[in-house]
N, C-alpha and C. Protein backbone atom coordinates (compact mmCIF):
# COMPACT_ATOMS: atom_id res chain seq x y z
N MET A 1 0.85 -1.16 0.00
CA MET A 1 0.00 0.00 0.00
C MET A 1 0.90 1.22 0.00
N THR A 2 0.48 2.24 -0.71
CA THR A 2 1.28 3.45 -0.82
C THR A 2 0.48 4.65 -0.34
N CYS A 3 1.13 5.48 0.43
CA CYS A 3 0.55 6.70 0.96
C CYS A 3 1.35 7.87 0.40
N THR A 4 0.68 8.80 -0.26
CA THR A 4 1.39 9.96 -0.79
C THR A 4 0.95 11.21 -0.04
N SER A 5 1.84 12.17 0.03
CA SER A 5 1.53 13.41 0.73
C SER A 5 2.30 14.56 0.09
N ALA A 6 1.86 15.75 0.40
CA ALA A 6 2.55 16.94 -0.07
C ALA A 6 2.57 17.95 1.06
N GLY A 7 3.65 18.67 1.17
CA GLY A 7 3.77 19.70 2.20
C GLY A 7 5.17 20.25 2.23
N LEU A 8 5.32 21.41 2.84
CA LEU A 8 6.63 22.03 3.02
C LEU A 8 6.82 22.33 4.50
N PRO A 9 7.82 21.78 5.12
CA PRO A 9 8.74 20.78 4.56
C PRO A 9 8.03 19.45 4.31
N ALA A 10 8.68 18.60 3.53
CA ALA A 10 8.08 17.31 3.17
C ALA A 10 7.72 16.53 4.43
N PRO A 11 6.50 16.00 4.49
CA PRO A 11 6.07 15.25 5.67
C PRO A 11 6.80 13.92 5.82
N ARG A 12 6.95 13.50 7.05
CA ARG A 12 7.46 12.17 7.39
C ARG A 12 6.26 11.24 7.41
N ILE A 13 6.36 10.10 6.75
CA ILE A 13 5.25 9.16 6.63
C ILE A 13 5.48 7.95 7.54
N LEU A 14 4.45 7.56 8.27
CA LEU A 14 4.49 6.38 9.13
C LEU A 14 3.27 5.51 8.84
N TRP A 15 3.47 4.21 8.76
CA TRP A 15 2.37 3.25 8.66
C TRP A 15 2.27 2.47 9.96
N SER A 16 1.05 2.27 10.44
CA SER A 16 0.84 1.46 11.63
C SER A 16 -0.45 0.67 11.47
N LYS A 17 -0.65 -0.29 12.36
CA LYS A 17 -1.88 -1.09 12.37
C LYS A 17 -2.53 -0.92 13.73
N LYS A 18 -3.86 -0.70 13.72
CA LYS A 18 -4.60 -0.59 14.97
C LYS A 18 -4.72 -1.98 15.59
N LEU A 19 -4.41 -2.07 16.87
CA LEU A 19 -4.51 -3.34 17.59
C LEU A 19 -5.84 -3.41 18.33
N ASP A 20 -6.22 -4.62 18.73
CA ASP A 20 -7.49 -4.82 19.42
C ASP A 20 -7.60 -4.01 20.72
N ASN A 21 -6.46 -3.73 21.37
CA ASN A 21 -6.48 -2.99 22.63
C ASN A 21 -6.52 -1.47 22.44
N GLY A 22 -6.62 -1.01 21.18
CA GLY A 22 -6.69 0.41 20.89
C GLY A 22 -5.36 1.06 20.56
N ASN A 23 -4.27 0.39 20.88
CA ASN A 23 -2.94 0.91 20.54
C ASN A 23 -2.66 0.68 19.06
N ARG A 24 -1.54 1.26 18.61
CA ARG A 24 -1.12 1.04 17.22
C ARG A 24 0.28 0.45 17.20
N GLN A 25 0.50 -0.46 16.26
CA GLN A 25 1.81 -1.09 16.07
C GLN A 25 2.48 -0.44 14.86
N LEU A 26 3.63 0.18 15.06
CA LEU A 26 4.38 0.80 13.97
C LEU A 26 4.88 -0.28 13.03
N LEU A 27 4.63 -0.11 11.72
CA LEU A 27 5.02 -1.10 10.73
C LEU A 27 6.06 -0.59 9.75
N SER A 28 6.02 0.70 9.43
CA SER A 28 6.91 1.23 8.41
C SER A 28 7.10 2.73 8.63
N GLU A 29 8.30 3.21 8.30
CA GLU A 29 8.57 4.64 8.41
C GLU A 29 8.83 5.24 7.03
N ASN A 30 8.13 4.71 6.03
CA ASN A 30 8.19 5.31 4.70
C ASN A 30 6.82 5.21 4.05
N ALA A 31 6.68 5.75 2.86
CA ALA A 31 5.37 5.87 2.23
C ALA A 31 4.78 4.56 1.74
N THR A 32 5.60 3.53 1.57
CA THR A 32 5.11 2.26 1.05
C THR A 32 5.13 1.20 2.14
N LEU A 33 3.99 0.56 2.32
CA LEU A 33 3.87 -0.55 3.26
C LEU A 33 3.70 -1.82 2.44
N THR A 34 4.61 -2.76 2.60
CA THR A 34 4.56 -4.02 1.87
C THR A 34 4.24 -5.13 2.84
N LEU A 35 3.17 -5.85 2.55
CA LEU A 35 2.77 -7.00 3.37
C LEU A 35 2.98 -8.26 2.54
N ILE A 36 3.80 -9.17 3.04
CA ILE A 36 4.16 -10.38 2.31
C ILE A 36 3.51 -11.58 2.99
N SER A 37 3.10 -12.55 2.17
CA SER A 37 2.47 -13.78 2.69
C SER A 37 1.35 -13.45 3.66
N MET A 38 0.41 -12.66 3.17
CA MET A 38 -0.68 -12.20 4.02
C MET A 38 -1.58 -13.35 4.45
N ARG A 39 -2.09 -13.22 5.67
CA ARG A 39 -3.03 -14.19 6.24
C ARG A 39 -4.24 -13.43 6.76
N ALA A 40 -5.26 -14.17 7.12
CA ALA A 40 -6.49 -13.55 7.63
C ALA A 40 -6.18 -12.66 8.84
N GLU A 41 -5.18 -13.04 9.64
CA GLU A 41 -4.82 -12.24 10.82
C GLU A 41 -4.29 -10.86 10.47
N ASP A 42 -3.89 -10.68 9.22
CA ASP A 42 -3.40 -9.38 8.77
C ASP A 42 -4.53 -8.40 8.46
N SER A 43 -5.76 -8.90 8.43
CA SER A 43 -6.91 -8.03 8.22
C SER A 43 -6.99 -7.03 9.36
N GLY A 44 -7.47 -5.84 9.06
CA GLY A 44 -7.63 -4.85 10.12
C GLY A 44 -7.55 -3.43 9.58
N ILE A 45 -7.43 -2.50 10.49
CA ILE A 45 -7.35 -1.08 10.15
C ILE A 45 -5.88 -0.67 10.12
N TYR A 46 -5.45 -0.17 8.97
CA TYR A 46 -4.08 0.33 8.80
C TYR A 46 -4.14 1.85 8.73
N VAL A 47 -3.16 2.49 9.35
CA VAL A 47 -3.15 3.95 9.46
C VAL A 47 -1.90 4.51 8.80
N CYS A 48 -2.10 5.45 7.90
CA CYS A 48 -0.99 6.19 7.30
C CYS A 48 -1.02 7.58 7.93
N GLU A 49 0.10 7.97 8.53
CA GLU A 49 0.17 9.27 9.18
C GLU A 49 1.36 10.04 8.63
N GLY A 50 1.12 11.28 8.30
CA GLY A 50 2.18 12.16 7.84
C GLY A 50 2.28 13.34 8.78
N ASN A 51 3.51 13.75 9.09
CA ASN A 51 3.65 14.92 9.95
C ASN A 51 4.90 15.71 9.58
N ASN A 52 4.80 16.99 9.81
CA ASN A 52 5.93 17.91 9.66
C ASN A 52 5.75 19.01 10.71
N PRO A 53 6.65 19.96 10.81
CA PRO A 53 6.52 21.00 11.84
C PRO A 53 5.24 21.83 11.73
N VAL A 54 4.61 21.85 10.57
CA VAL A 54 3.40 22.65 10.37
C VAL A 54 2.16 21.93 10.90
N GLY A 55 2.17 20.61 10.88
CA GLY A 55 0.99 19.87 11.34
C GLY A 55 1.08 18.41 11.00
N LYS A 56 -0.06 17.73 11.16
CA LYS A 56 -0.10 16.31 10.83
C LYS A 56 -1.48 15.94 10.32
N ASP A 57 -1.54 14.83 9.63
CA ASP A 57 -2.79 14.31 9.11
C ASP A 57 -2.66 12.80 9.05
N ARG A 58 -3.78 12.11 9.09
CA ARG A 58 -3.73 10.67 8.98
C ARG A 58 -4.98 10.15 8.31
N LYS A 59 -4.83 9.04 7.66
CA LYS A 59 -5.95 8.37 7.00
C LYS A 59 -5.91 6.90 7.39
N GLU A 60 -7.08 6.30 7.42
CA GLU A 60 -7.19 4.90 7.78
C GLU A 60 -7.77 4.12 6.60
N VAL A 61 -7.34 2.89 6.47
CA VAL A 61 -7.88 2.02 5.43
C VAL A 61 -8.15 0.65 6.06
N LYS A 62 -9.30 0.08 5.75
CA LYS A 62 -9.64 -1.25 6.26
C LYS A 62 -9.20 -2.28 5.22
N LEU A 63 -8.39 -3.20 5.65
CA LEU A 63 -7.87 -4.24 4.77
C LEU A 63 -8.47 -5.57 5.20
N THR A 64 -9.07 -6.29 4.26
CA THR A 64 -9.64 -7.61 4.53
C THR A 64 -8.92 -8.63 3.67
N VAL A 65 -8.33 -9.62 4.30
CA VAL A 65 -7.61 -10.67 3.58
C VAL A 65 -8.56 -11.85 3.43
N GLN A 66 -8.78 -12.26 2.16
CA GLN A 66 -9.67 -13.38 1.87
C GLN A 66 -8.94 -14.34 0.95
N GLY A 67 -8.74 -15.55 1.37
CA GLY A 67 -8.08 -16.53 0.53
C GLY A 67 -6.69 -16.10 0.14
N LYS A 68 -6.32 -16.37 -1.11
CA LYS A 68 -4.97 -16.06 -1.57
C LYS A 68 -4.95 -14.90 -2.56
N GLN A 69 -5.99 -14.08 -2.54
CA GLN A 69 -6.02 -12.93 -3.43
C GLN A 69 -4.99 -11.90 -2.99
N GLN A 70 -4.47 -11.16 -3.96
CA GLN A 70 -3.57 -10.07 -3.65
C GLN A 70 -4.39 -8.79 -3.62
N LEU A 71 -4.22 -8.03 -2.54
CA LEU A 71 -4.95 -6.78 -2.38
C LEU A 71 -3.98 -5.62 -2.42
N LYS A 72 -4.37 -4.58 -3.11
CA LYS A 72 -3.52 -3.39 -3.16
C LYS A 72 -4.42 -2.17 -3.13
N ARG A 73 -4.11 -1.26 -2.24
CA ARG A 73 -4.85 0.00 -2.16
C ARG A 73 -3.86 1.15 -2.20
N VAL A 74 -4.28 2.21 -2.82
CA VAL A 74 -3.46 3.42 -2.84
C VAL A 74 -4.20 4.47 -2.04
N LEU A 75 -3.51 5.04 -1.11
CA LEU A 75 -4.09 6.03 -0.22
C LEU A 75 -3.31 7.33 -0.39
N SER A 76 -4.01 8.41 -0.66
CA SER A 76 -3.31 9.67 -0.80
C SER A 76 -4.06 10.77 -0.07
N PHE A 77 -3.33 11.73 0.39
CA PHE A 77 -3.92 12.87 1.07
C PHE A 77 -2.99 14.05 1.00
N ARG A 78 -3.52 15.23 1.26
CA ARG A 78 -2.73 16.46 1.26
C ARG A 78 -2.80 17.09 2.64
N PHE A 79 -1.74 17.74 3.01
CA PHE A 79 -1.70 18.48 4.27
C PHE A 79 -2.23 19.87 4.05
N LYS A 80 -2.95 20.37 5.02
CA LYS A 80 -3.42 21.76 4.97
C LYS A 80 -2.24 22.66 5.28
N GLN A 81 -2.11 23.70 4.51
CA GLN A 81 -1.00 24.63 4.73
C GLN A 81 -1.48 25.89 5.38
């Protein structure tokens, strides 16, 4: 999954997954999150967050793993300036 953003200075991108206890598990510190050999347990809410000194924004995507299909989503957002 890829998260794109725009802002000055360029935002730092983080991917995480929401856990059942409400916390988030950090998965990646770049714009692309690659999930390999996905299983049903990988289903859930994934969060792309971008931040810079001006502010931050985040978007969530629900990923459902079914069988052996490959799923790909592109998530993009812009920061308010």
